[in-house]
């Protein structure tokens, strides 16, 4: 009986033992940085615009990244890169101009030229 009690104790000890994992590797510096892109808006319209984006598949929630005055150019807050975004320019009256989804290059700069005859429409949310 002592042998089976000793065996049971060894099995119990072995079952409770944990393995020691090596420390995690340093993250790849390229992946550890925030994946962001610079967005510049060249607004040739007569409207002051609010610039927003939403992620594809992320619902209707919008994130504002800045404003640009009429007939002006402005750099916005950084936007996520390497994932599809829908950019939206909204007038003070609530009408919008939306681009199809696009992905931005990490650390890249992209300029959105909004021509003077851009067509702004009432948003789906009724703003």
Protein backbone atom coordinates (compact mmCIF):
# COMPACT_ATOMS: atom_id res chain seq x y z
CA UNK A 1 0.00 0.00 0.00
CA UNK A 2 2.94 2.30 0.69
CA UNK A 3 4.09 1.91 -2.90
CA UNK A 4 0.76 3.00 -4.30
CA UNK A 5 0.53 5.94 -1.86
CA UNK A 6 4.03 7.01 -2.92
CA UNK A 7 3.09 6.60 -6.57
CA UNK A 8 -0.09 8.61 -6.03
CA UNK A 9 1.94 11.36 -4.35
CA UNK A 10 4.37 11.48 -7.29
CA UNK A 11 1.51 11.64 -9.78
CA UNK A 12 -0.10 14.46 -7.78
CA UNK A 13 3.17 16.38 -7.62
CA UNK A 14 3.80 15.90 -11.34
CA UNK A 15 0.29 17.06 -12.17
CA UNK A 16 0.72 20.25 -10.16
CA UNK A 17 4.14 21.10 -11.59
CA UNK A 18 4.23 24.07 -13.94
CA UNK A 19 6.49 24.51 -16.88
CA UNK A 20 8.82 27.47 -16.98
CA UNK A 21 8.42 29.53 -20.12
CA UNK A 22 11.29 31.57 -21.51
CA UNK A 23 10.84 35.35 -21.21
CA UNK A 24 8.94 36.90 -24.12
CA UNK A 25 11.04 38.14 -27.01
CA UNK A 26 11.40 41.83 -27.59
CA UNK A 27 8.61 42.92 -29.94
CA UNK A 28 9.50 43.68 -33.52
CA UNK A 29 10.17 47.45 -33.47
CA UNK A 30 8.23 47.88 -36.72
CA UNK A 31 5.13 46.21 -35.26
CA UNK A 32 5.52 47.73 -31.78
CA UNK A 33 5.05 51.27 -33.08
CA UNK A 34 1.57 52.60 -33.59
CA UNK A 35 0.44 51.94 -37.15
CA UNK A 36 -0.54 55.47 -38.15
CA UNK A 37 -0.74 57.55 -41.29
CA UNK A 38 -0.87 61.30 -41.87
CA UNK A 39 -3.96 62.74 -43.51
CA UNK A 40 -3.87 66.13 -45.24
CA UNK A 41 -7.09 67.76 -46.45
CA UNK A 42 -7.09 70.24 -49.32
CA UNK A 43 -10.54 71.78 -49.15
CA UNK A 44 -11.43 73.77 -52.27
CA UNK A 45 -15.08 74.13 -51.30
CA UNK A 46 -16.82 77.14 -49.77
CA UNK A 47 -17.59 75.08 -46.62
CA UNK A 48 -15.74 74.66 -43.36
CA UNK A 49 -15.47 70.88 -42.96
CA UNK A 50 -15.17 68.43 -40.10
CA UNK A 51 -13.14 65.37 -41.10
CA UNK A 52 -14.07 62.00 -39.61
CA UNK A 53 -13.51 58.33 -40.27
CA UNK A 54 -15.10 55.02 -39.40
CA UNK A 55 -13.65 51.57 -39.70
CA UNK A 56 -15.08 49.06 -42.14
CA UNK A 57 -17.18 46.61 -40.16
CA UNK A 58 -16.94 48.78 -37.05
CA UNK A 59 -20.53 49.99 -37.04
CA UNK A 60 -21.56 53.59 -37.51
CA UNK A 61 -19.29 55.11 -34.84
CA UNK A 62 -17.27 57.98 -36.27
CA UNK A 63 -13.96 59.39 -35.05
CA UNK A 64 -13.24 63.06 -35.68
CA UNK A 65 -9.68 63.92 -36.71
CA UNK A 66 -9.92 67.66 -37.33
CA UNK A 67 -11.40 70.59 -39.21
CA UNK A 68 -10.37 72.44 -42.33
CA UNK A 69 -11.58 75.90 -43.28
CA UNK A 70 -13.07 76.73 -46.67
CA UNK A 71 -10.47 76.97 -49.45
CA UNK A 72 -7.69 75.85 -47.10
CA UNK A 73 -5.32 72.96 -46.52
CA UNK A 74 -4.82 71.36 -43.11
CA UNK A 75 -3.13 68.33 -41.59
CA UNK A 76 -5.42 66.17 -39.48
CA UNK A 77 -4.70 64.06 -36.42
CA UNK A 78 -3.09 60.73 -37.39
CA UNK A 79 -5.39 57.97 -38.61
CA UNK A 80 -4.97 54.19 -38.28
CA UNK A 81 -2.97 52.69 -41.12
CA UNK A 82 -3.09 49.22 -42.62
CA UNK A 83 -6.83 48.81 -42.04
CA UNK A 84 -9.68 49.97 -44.28
CA UNK A 85 -11.24 53.28 -43.28
CA UNK A 86 -14.13 55.29 -44.68
CA UNK A 87 -13.29 59.01 -44.67
CA UNK A 88 -16.09 61.52 -44.30
CA UNK A 89 -16.11 65.31 -44.73
CA UNK A 90 -19.09 66.92 -42.97
CA UNK A 91 -20.33 70.47 -43.45
CA UNK A 92 -21.68 72.61 -40.61
CA UNK A 93 -25.16 71.95 -42.10
CA UNK A 94 -24.65 68.22 -41.52
CA UNK A 95 -24.30 67.13 -45.14
CA UNK A 96 -21.50 64.70 -45.93
CA UNK A 97 -19.08 63.58 -48.58
CA UNK A 98 -17.82 60.03 -48.02
CA UNK A 99 -15.06 58.16 -49.80
CA UNK A 100 -15.10 54.43 -50.48
CA UNK A 101 -13.03 52.39 -48.02
CA UNK A 102 -9.28 52.78 -48.38
CA UNK A 103 -6.19 51.60 -46.55
CA UNK A 104 -3.33 53.95 -45.72
CA UNK A 105 0.36 53.11 -45.66
CA UNK A 106 2.04 53.01 -42.24
CA UNK A 107 3.95 56.29 -41.76
CA UNK A 108 2.60 57.47 -45.12
CA UNK A 109 0.96 60.78 -45.98
CA UNK A 110 -2.20 60.94 -48.07
CA UNK A 111 -3.84 64.12 -49.36
CA UNK A 112 -7.59 64.27 -49.93
CA UNK A 113 -8.38 66.93 -52.52
CA UNK A 114 -12.00 68.00 -52.13
CA UNK A 115 -12.92 69.94 -55.29
CA UNK A 116 -15.06 73.10 -55.25
CA UNK A 117 -17.99 71.26 -56.85
CA UNK A 118 -17.96 68.29 -54.42
CA UNK A 119 -21.47 66.94 -53.82
CA UNK A 120 -22.41 66.74 -50.14
CA UNK A 121 -25.53 64.76 -49.22
CA UNK A 122 -27.63 64.24 -46.11
CA UNK A 123 -26.09 61.45 -44.01
CA UNK A 124 -27.81 58.09 -43.49
CA UNK A 125 -28.16 58.88 -39.80
CA UNK A 126 -30.26 61.92 -40.65
CA UNK A 127 -27.90 64.58 -39.30
